[in-house]
Amino acid sequence: MSNKVLETKKLTKYFYDPVKFQVLKEIDMSIDHGEFVSIVGKSGCGKSTLLYLLSTMDTDYEGELYIHEQLITGKPDKDLAQIRNENIGFVFQFHYLLSEYNVLKNVMLPGMKLGKLSDQEIEHSAMEHLRTLDMQDQALKMPNQLSGGQKQRVAIARALINNPLIIMGDEPTGNLDKRNSDLVFDIFKKLTIEKQQTLLIVTHDADFAARTNRIVTMEDGRIV
């Protein structure tokens, strides 16, 4: 099996509101297993748009997308949801924790949705991930009892619960102060070193990007 986790061929995207506008121009890129890659570029250059295509959340594009050498383009929504659940962990700028559930249940939810393990096994796995992130003592707290940095660590634990091929992040430190940003970076770095986790992170933070394995710079919808 090849080392490629993700590959695109001539990925092109248009927006049609109010007029036809090309936002991504023939993007060719690939990401190998265990790489920690950041995508940088000015606002509006297409970074987040690219990430949403790669995550299969947006399927309106031209070109081809491969996950683990499998062509994903053109698959029905039901299949895409399964592929996404199994292969992709997502960390957003805002943690999107569900306020009605405690920390532990928030982390367990994607695992329960995937339905491959028993609730007991998922709970055990969720506690392990919380322990990795030094959040095990917060497991029974509600999200509103946590600080911003703690919430983002819970979001990372949730992204890890299904042992994804790749974790994608859209400005995951964009809402955090320097100390918490560094903490999140260190967690990501540790995941790549100890677990060979593949990471693809869109960021405005030049300092964060500089410390990743590879920087992909975008300008006007192209990789430069």
C-alpha atoms as a PDB file:
ATOM      1  CA  MET A   1       0.000   0.000   0.000  1.00  0.00           C
ATOM      2  CA  SER A   2       1.343   3.405  -0.887  1.00  0.00           C
ATOM      3  CA  ASN A   3       2.272   6.043   1.627  1.00  0.00           C
ATOM      4  CA  LYS A   4      -0.170   8.560   0.136  1.00  0.00           C
ATOM      5  CA  VAL A   5      -3.032   9.526   2.425  1.00  0.00           C
ATOM      6  CA  LEU A   6      -4.483  12.227   0.198  1.00  0.00           C
ATOM      7  CA  GLU A   7      -4.034  13.278  -3.408  1.00  0.00           C
ATOM      8  CA  THR A   8      -5.700  15.754  -5.745  1.00  0.00           C
ATOM      9  CA  LYS A   9      -5.483  16.015  -9.522  1.00  0.00           C
ATOM     10  CA  LYS A  10      -6.413  19.302 -11.195  1.00  0.00           C
ATOM     11  CA  LEU A  11      -8.880  20.214  -8.430  1.00  0.00           C
ATOM     12  CA  THR A  12     -10.855  23.223  -9.643  1.00  0.00           C
ATOM     13  CA  LYS A  13     -13.715  25.066  -7.956  1.00  0.00           C
ATOM     14  CA  TYR A  14     -16.080  27.834  -9.050  1.00  0.00           C
ATOM     15  CA  PHE A  15     -18.404  30.039  -7.050  1.00  0.00           C
ATOM     16  CA  TYR A  16     -21.507  31.291  -8.878  1.00  0.00           C
ATOM     17  CA  ASP A  17     -22.722  34.035  -6.609  1.00  0.00           C
ATOM     18  CA  PRO A  18     -23.461  36.551  -8.065  1.00  0.00           C
ATOM     19  CA  VAL A  19     -21.273  35.773 -11.121  1.00  0.00           C
ATOM     20  CA  LYS A  20     -19.087  32.797 -12.046  1.00  0.00           C
ATOM     21  CA  PHE A  21     -15.770  33.134 -10.228  1.00  0.00           C
ATOM     22  CA  GLN A  22     -12.918  30.617 -10.189  1.00  0.00           C
ATOM     23  CA  VAL A  23     -11.739  30.160  -6.605  1.00  0.00           C
ATOM     24  CA  LEU A  24      -9.410  27.127  -7.042  1.00  0.00           C
ATOM     25  CA  LYS A  25      -7.277  26.565 -10.134  1.00  0.00           C
ATOM     26  CA  GLU A  26      -6.091  23.037 -10.969  1.00  0.00           C
ATOM     27  CA  ILE A  27      -4.689  22.096  -7.580  1.00  0.00           C
ATOM     28  CA  ASP A  28      -2.287  19.135  -7.667  1.00  0.00           C
ATOM     29  CA  MET A  29      -1.105  18.070  -4.240  1.00  0.00           C
ATOM     30  CA  SER A  30      -0.432  14.970  -2.200  1.00  0.00           C
ATOM     31  CA  ILE A  31       0.095  14.277   1.490  1.00  0.00           C
ATOM     32  CA  ASP A  32       2.014  11.290   2.810  1.00  0.00           C
ATOM     33  CA  HIS A  33       1.328   9.240   5.897  1.00  0.00           C
ATOM     34  CA  GLY A  34       2.705  10.883   9.051  1.00  0.00           C
ATOM     35  CA  GLU A  35       3.244  14.319   7.478  1.00  0.00           C
ATOM     36  CA  PHE A  36       2.367  17.507   9.363  1.00  0.00           C
ATOM     37  CA  VAL A  37       1.414  19.980   6.621  1.00  0.00           C
ATOM     38  CA  SER A  38       0.185  23.558   6.933  1.00  0.00           C
ATOM     39  CA  ILE A  39      -1.629  25.597   4.276  1.00  0.00           C
ATOM     40  CA  VAL A  40      -0.998  29.343   4.380  1.00  0.00           C
ATOM     41  CA  GLY A  41      -1.925  32.346   2.272  1.00  0.00           C
ATOM     42  CA  LYS A  42      -3.790  35.646   2.430  1.00  0.00           C
ATOM     43  CA  SER A  43      -7.502  35.759   3.267  1.00  0.00           C
ATOM     44  CA  GLY A  44      -9.571  34.840   0.235  1.00  0.00           C
ATOM     45  CA  CYS A  45      -6.832  32.820  -1.500  1.00  0.00           C
ATOM     46  CA  GLY A  46      -8.901  29.614  -1.273  1.00  0.00           C
ATOM     47  CA  LYS A  47      -7.337  27.823   1.738  1.00  0.00           C
ATOM     48  CA  SER A  48     -10.555  26.990   3.564  1.00  0.00           C
ATOM     49  CA  THR A  49     -12.383  26.221   0.307  1.00  0.00           C
ATOM     50  CA  LEU A  50      -9.655  23.688  -0.536  1.00  0.00           C
ATOM     51  CA  LEU A  51      -9.914  22.138   2.922  1.00  0.00           C
ATOM     52  CA  TYR A  52     -13.677  21.663   2.578  1.00  0.00           C
ATOM     53  CA  LEU A  53     -13.183  19.906  -0.762  1.00  0.00           C
ATOM     54  CA  LEU A  54     -10.466  17.664   0.688  1.00  0.00           C
ATOM     55  CA  SER A  55     -12.681  16.802   3.656  1.00  0.00           C
ATOM     56  CA  THR A  56     -15.465  15.696   1.209  1.00  0.00           C
ATOM     57  CA  MET A  57     -17.877  18.193   2.813  1.00  0.00           C
ATOM     58  CA  ASP A  58     -18.092  20.078  -0.482  1.00  0.00           C
ATOM     59  CA  THR A  59     -18.499  17.900  -3.590  1.00  0.00           C
ATOM     60  CA  ASP A  60     -19.107  20.580  -6.216  1.00  0.00           C
ATOM     61  CA  TYR A  61     -15.753  20.706  -8.033  1.00  0.00           C
ATOM     62  CA  GLU A  62     -13.867  19.614 -11.144  1.00  0.00           C
ATOM     63  CA  GLY A  63     -10.847  17.303 -11.021  1.00  0.00           C
ATOM     64  CA  GLU A  64     -10.163  14.264  -8.841  1.00  0.00           C
ATOM     65  CA  LEU A  65      -9.744  13.584  -5.140  1.00  0.00           C
ATOM     66  CA  TYR A  66      -8.172  10.389  -3.784  1.00  0.00           C
ATOM     67  CA  ILE A  67      -8.114   9.231  -0.168  1.00  0.00           C
ATOM     68  CA  HIS A  68      -5.723   6.332   0.427  1.00  0.00           C
ATOM     69  CA  GLU A  69      -5.431   5.818  -3.352  1.00  0.00           C
ATOM     70  CA  GLN A  70      -9.208   5.400  -3.658  1.00  0.00           C
ATOM     71  CA  LEU A  71     -11.024   7.778  -6.026  1.00  0.00           C
ATOM     72  CA  ILE A  72     -13.569   9.680  -3.915  1.00  0.00           C
ATOM     73  CA  THR A  73     -14.898  12.012  -6.621  1.00  0.00           C
ATOM     74  CA  GLY A  74     -18.466  11.231  -7.679  1.00  0.00           C
ATOM     75  CA  LYS A  75     -19.340   8.910  -4.815  1.00  0.00           C
ATOM     76  CA  PRO A  76     -22.865   9.258  -3.349  1.00  0.00           C
ATOM     77  CA  ASP A  77     -23.370  11.296  -0.154  1.00  0.00           C
ATOM     78  CA  LYS A  78     -24.034   8.194   1.954  1.00  0.00           C
ATOM     79  CA  ASP A  79     -20.645   6.697   0.981  1.00  0.00           C
ATOM     80  CA  LEU A  80     -18.908  10.034   1.526  1.00  0.00           C
ATOM     81  CA  ALA A  81     -20.350  10.312   5.038  1.00  0.00           C
ATOM     82  CA  GLN A  82     -18.939   6.872   5.851  1.00  0.00           C
ATOM     83  CA  ILE A  83     -15.529   7.689   4.318  1.00  0.00           C
ATOM     84  CA  ARG A  84     -15.454  10.958   6.250  1.00  0.00           C
ATOM     85  CA  ASN A  85     -16.370   9.294   9.547  1.00  0.00           C
ATOM     86  CA  GLU A  86     -13.744   6.587   9.133  1.00  0.00           C
ATOM     87  CA  ASN A  87     -10.868   8.558   7.666  1.00  0.00           C
ATOM     88  CA  ILE A  88     -11.069  12.218   8.634  1.00  0.00           C
ATOM     89  CA  GLY A  89     -10.949  13.942  12.007  1.00  0.00           C
ATOM     90  CA  PHE A  90     -11.840  17.642  11.892  1.00  0.00           C
ATOM     91  CA  VAL A  91     -10.816  20.453  14.243  1.00  0.00           C
ATOM     92  CA  PHE A  92     -12.385  23.855  13.577  1.00  0.00           C
ATOM     93  CA  GLN A  93     -11.504  27.339  14.814  1.00  0.00           C
ATOM     94  CA  PHE A  94     -14.554  27.126  17.070  1.00  0.00           C
ATOM     95  CA  HIS A  95     -14.693  23.841  18.934  1.00  0.00           C
ATOM     96  CA  TYR A  96     -18.400  23.081  18.205  1.00  0.00           C
ATOM     97  CA  LEU A  97     -18.853  21.007  21.358  1.00  0.00           C
ATOM     98  CA  LEU A  98     -22.473  20.133  22.098  1.00  0.00           C
ATOM     99  CA  SER A  99     -23.495  22.041  25.205  1.00  0.00           C
ATOM    100  CA  GLU A 100     -26.041  19.428  26.345  1.00  0.00           C
ATOM    101  CA  TYR A 101     -23.395  16.674  26.693  1.00  0.00           C
ATOM    102  CA  ASN A 102     -20.437  16.374  29.025  1.00  0.00           C
ATOM    103  CA  VAL A 103     -16.854  16.252  27.751  1.00  0.00           C
ATOM    104  CA  LEU A 104     -16.688  12.457  27.623  1.00  0.00           C
ATOM    105  CA  LYS A 105     -19.916  12.128  25.613  1.00  0.00           C
ATOM    106  CA  ASN A 106     -18.784  14.871  23.202  1.00  0.00           C
ATOM    107  CA  VAL A 107     -15.616  12.900  22.466  1.00  0.00           C
ATOM    108  CA  MET A 108     -17.565   9.633  22.094  1.00  0.00           C
ATOM    109  CA  LEU A 109     -20.195  10.925  19.625  1.00  0.00           C
ATOM    110  CA  PRO A 110     -18.336  10.343  16.291  1.00  0.00           C
ATOM    111  CA  GLY A 111     -17.437   6.829  17.477  1.00  0.00           C
ATOM    112  CA  MET A 112     -21.065   6.102  18.323  1.00  0.00           C
ATOM    113  CA  LYS A 113     -22.111   7.449  14.936  1.00  0.00           C
ATOM    114  CA  LEU A 114     -19.598   5.196  13.156  1.00  0.00           C
ATOM    115  CA  GLY A 115     -20.974   2.250  15.125  1.00  0.00           C
ATOM    116  CA  LYS A 116     -17.984  -0.095  14.789  1.00  0.00           C
ATOM    117  CA  LEU A 117     -17.369  -0.546  18.520  1.00  0.00           C
ATOM    118  CA  SER A 118     -19.582  -0.964  21.577  1.00  0.00           C
ATOM    119  CA  ASP A 119     -20.339   2.127  23.675  1.00  0.00           C
ATOM    120  CA  GLN A 120     -18.116   0.646  26.380  1.00  0.00           C
ATOM    121  CA  GLU A 121     -15.156   0.341  23.997  1.00  0.00           C
ATOM    122  CA  ILE A 122     -15.749   3.853  22.665  1.00  0.00           C
ATOM    123  CA  GLU A 123     -15.863   5.232  26.207  1.00  0.00           C
ATOM    124  CA  HIS A 124     -12.567   3.492  27.024  1.00  0.00           C
ATOM    125  CA  SER A 125     -10.981   4.923  23.864  1.00  0.00           C
ATOM    126  CA  ALA A 126     -12.383   8.415  24.608  1.00  0.00           C
ATOM    127  CA  MET A 127     -10.842   8.340  28.093  1.00  0.00           C
ATOM    128  CA  GLU A 128      -7.493   7.280  26.605  1.00  0.00           C
ATOM    129  CA  HIS A 129      -7.530  10.243  24.210  1.00  0.00           C
ATOM    130  CA  LEU A 130      -8.523  12.626  27.004  1.00  0.00           C
ATOM    131  CA  ARG A 131      -5.622  11.224  29.044  1.00  0.00           C
ATOM    132  CA  THR A 132      -3.220  11.834  26.129  1.00  0.00           C
ATOM    133  CA  LEU A 133      -4.371  15.464  26.122  1.00  0.00           C
ATOM    134  CA  ASP A 134      -4.226  15.752  29.903  1.00  0.00           C
ATOM    135  CA  MET A 135      -7.992  16.286  30.090  1.00  0.00           C
ATOM    136  CA  GLN A 136      -9.074  13.049  31.808  1.00  0.00           C
ATOM    137  CA  ASP A 137     -10.004  14.893  35.038  1.00  0.00           C
ATOM    138  CA  GLN A 138     -12.431  17.105  33.049  1.00  0.00           C
ATOM    139  CA  ALA A 139     -14.333  14.164  31.495  1.00  0.00           C
ATOM    140  CA  LEU A 140     -17.579  14.688  33.417  1.00  0.00           C
ATOM    141  CA  LYS A 141     -17.632  18.484  33.153  1.00  0.00           C
ATOM    142  CA  MET A 142     -19.933  20.312  30.763  1.00  0.00           C
ATOM    143  CA  PRO A 143     -18.361  22.376  27.944  1.00  0.00           C
ATOM    144  CA  ASN A 144     -19.416  25.678  29.563  1.00  0.00           C
ATOM    145  CA  GLN A 145     -17.183  24.825  32.547  1.00  0.00           C
ATOM    146  CA  LEU A 146     -14.031  24.726  30.406  1.00  0.00           C
ATOM    147  CA  SER A 147     -11.614  27.397  29.187  1.00  0.00           C
ATOM    148  CA  GLY A 148     -11.107  28.036  25.447  1.00  0.00           C
ATOM    149  CA  GLY A 149      -7.883  26.033  25.378  1.00  0.00           C
ATOM    150  CA  GLN A 150      -9.502  23.107  27.192  1.00  0.00           C
ATOM    151  CA  LYS A 151     -12.440  23.094  24.766  1.00  0.00           C
ATOM    152  CA  GLN A 152     -10.046  22.904  21.831  1.00  0.00           C
ATOM    153  CA  ARG A 153      -8.254  19.943  23.435  1.00  0.00           C
ATOM    154  CA  VAL A 154     -11.604  18.177  23.787  1.00  0.00           C
ATOM    155  CA  ALA A 155     -12.258  18.926  20.094  1.00  0.00           C
ATOM    156  CA  ILE A 156      -8.909  17.301  19.237  1.00  0.00           C
ATOM    157  CA  ALA A 157      -9.783  14.216  21.323  1.00  0.00           C
ATOM    158  CA  ARG A 158     -13.100  14.030  19.447  1.00  0.00           C
ATOM    159  CA  ALA A 159     -11.262  14.267  16.096  1.00  0.00           C
ATOM    160  CA  LEU A 160      -9.062  11.328  17.146  1.00  0.00           C
ATOM    161  CA  ILE A 161     -11.807   8.982  18.380  1.00  0.00           C
ATOM    162  CA  ASN A 162     -12.182   6.977  15.134  1.00  0.00           C
ATOM    163  CA  ASN A 163      -8.392   6.743  14.600  1.00  0.00           C
ATOM    164  CA  PRO A 164      -8.613   8.754  11.371  1.00  0.00           C
ATOM    165  CA  LEU A 165      -6.151   8.540   8.504  1.00  0.00           C
ATOM    166  CA  ILE A 166      -5.828  12.315   8.613  1.00  0.00           C
ATOM    167  CA  ILE A 167      -6.769  15.176  10.907  1.00  0.00           C
ATOM    168  CA  MET A 168      -7.746  18.402   9.170  1.00  0.00           C
ATOM    169  CA  GLY A 169      -7.860  21.715  10.976  1.00  0.00           C
ATOM    170  CA  ASP A 170      -9.330  25.038   9.866  1.00  0.00           C
ATOM    171  CA  GLU A 171      -7.549  27.712  11.920  1.00  0.00           C
ATOM    172  CA  PRO A 172      -7.588  25.488  15.047  1.00  0.00           C
ATOM    173  CA  THR A 173      -5.531  28.030  17.019  1.00  0.00           C
ATOM    174  CA  GLY A 174      -7.242  31.102  15.511  1.00  0.00           C
ATOM    175  CA  ASN A 175      -9.288  31.703  18.641  1.00  0.00           C
ATOM    176  CA  LEU A 176      -6.579  30.985  21.204  1.00  0.00           C
ATOM    177  CA  ASP A 177      -3.944  33.058  22.959  1.00  0.00           C
ATOM    178  CA  LYS A 178      -0.225  32.359  22.419  1.00  0.00           C
ATOM    179  CA  ARG A 179       0.103  29.927  25.328  1.00  0.00           C
ATOM    180  CA  ASN A 180      -2.857  27.802  24.243  1.00  0.00           C
ATOM    181  CA  SER A 181      -1.806  28.001  20.581  1.00  0.00           C
ATOM    182  CA  ASP A 182       1.585  26.597  21.549  1.00  0.00           C
ATOM    183  CA  LEU A 183      -0.119  23.895  23.577  1.00  0.00           C
ATOM    184  CA  VAL A 184      -2.279  22.832  20.626  1.00  0.00           C
ATOM    185  CA  PHE A 185       0.765  22.864  18.326  1.00  0.00           C
ATOM    186  CA  ASP A 186       2.687  20.668  20.776  1.00  0.00           C
ATOM    187  CA  ILE A 187      -0.230  18.202  20.889  1.00  0.00           C
ATOM    188  CA  PHE A 188      -0.276  18.000  17.078  1.00  0.00           C
ATOM    189  CA  LYS A 189       3.507  17.570  16.931  1.00  0.00           C
ATOM    190  CA  LYS A 190       3.375  14.813  19.538  1.00  0.00           C
ATOM    191  CA  LEU A 191       0.656  13.014  17.553  1.00  0.00           C
ATOM    192  CA  THR A 192       2.829  12.994  14.419  1.00  0.00           C
ATOM    193  CA  ILE A 193       5.915  11.785  16.278  1.00  0.00           C
ATOM    194  CA  GLU A 194       4.364   9.200  18.604  1.00  0.00           C
ATOM    195  CA  LYS A 195       1.357   8.030  16.583  1.00  0.00           C
ATOM    196  CA  GLN A 196       2.476   8.883  13.005  1.00  0.00           C
ATOM    197  CA  GLN A 197      -0.771  10.840  12.720  1.00  0.00           C
ATOM    198  CA  THR A 198      -1.153  12.761   9.448  1.00  0.00           C
ATOM    199  CA  LEU A 199      -2.186  16.403   9.871  1.00  0.00           C
ATOM    200  CA  LEU A 200      -3.292  19.080   7.427  1.00  0.00           C
ATOM    201  CA  ILE A 201      -3.848  22.482   9.029  1.00  0.00           C
ATOM    202  CA  VAL A 202      -5.025  25.743   7.456  1.00  0.00           C
ATOM    203  CA  THR A 203      -3.542  28.598   9.485  1.00  0.00           C
ATOM    204  CA  HIS A 204      -2.879  32.348   9.472  1.00  0.00           C
ATOM    205  CA  ASP A 205      -0.266  31.880  12.184  1.00  0.00           C
ATOM    206  CA  ALA A 206       3.156  32.116  10.507  1.00  0.00           C
ATOM    207  CA  ASP A 207       4.900  30.877  13.656  1.00  0.00           C
ATOM    208  CA  PHE A 208       2.664  27.775  13.767  1.00  0.00           C
ATOM    209  CA  ALA A 209       3.230  27.062  10.047  1.00  0.00           C
ATOM    210  CA  ALA A 210       7.004  27.504  10.340  1.00  0.00           C
ATOM    211  CA  ARG A 211       7.173  24.608  12.802  1.00  0.00           C
ATOM    212  CA  THR A 212       5.254  22.098  10.642  1.00  0.00           C
ATOM    213  CA  ASN A 213       7.012  19.607   8.320  1.00  0.00           C
ATOM    214  CA  ARG A 214       5.869  21.286   5.125  1.00  0.00           C
ATOM    215  CA  ILE A 215       4.191  24.559   4.200  1.00  0.00           C
ATOM    216  CA  VAL A 216       1.841  24.760   1.220  1.00  0.00           C
ATOM    217  CA  THR A 217       1.475  28.421   0.197  1.00  0.00           C
ATOM    218  CA  MET A 218      -1.583  29.505  -1.754  1.00  0.00           C
ATOM    219  CA  GLU A 219      -2.195  32.619  -3.803  1.00  0.00           C
ATOM    220  CA  ASP A 220      -5.273  33.441  -5.917  1.00  0.00           C
ATOM    221  CA  GLY A 221      -6.573  29.873  -5.903  1.00  0.00           C
ATOM    222  CA  ARG A 222      -3.253  28.280  -6.807  1.00  0.00           C
ATOM    223  CA  ILE A 223      -0.485  26.554  -4.909  1.00  0.00           C
ATOM    224  CA  VAL A 224       2.652  28.650  -5.309  1.00  0.00           C
END
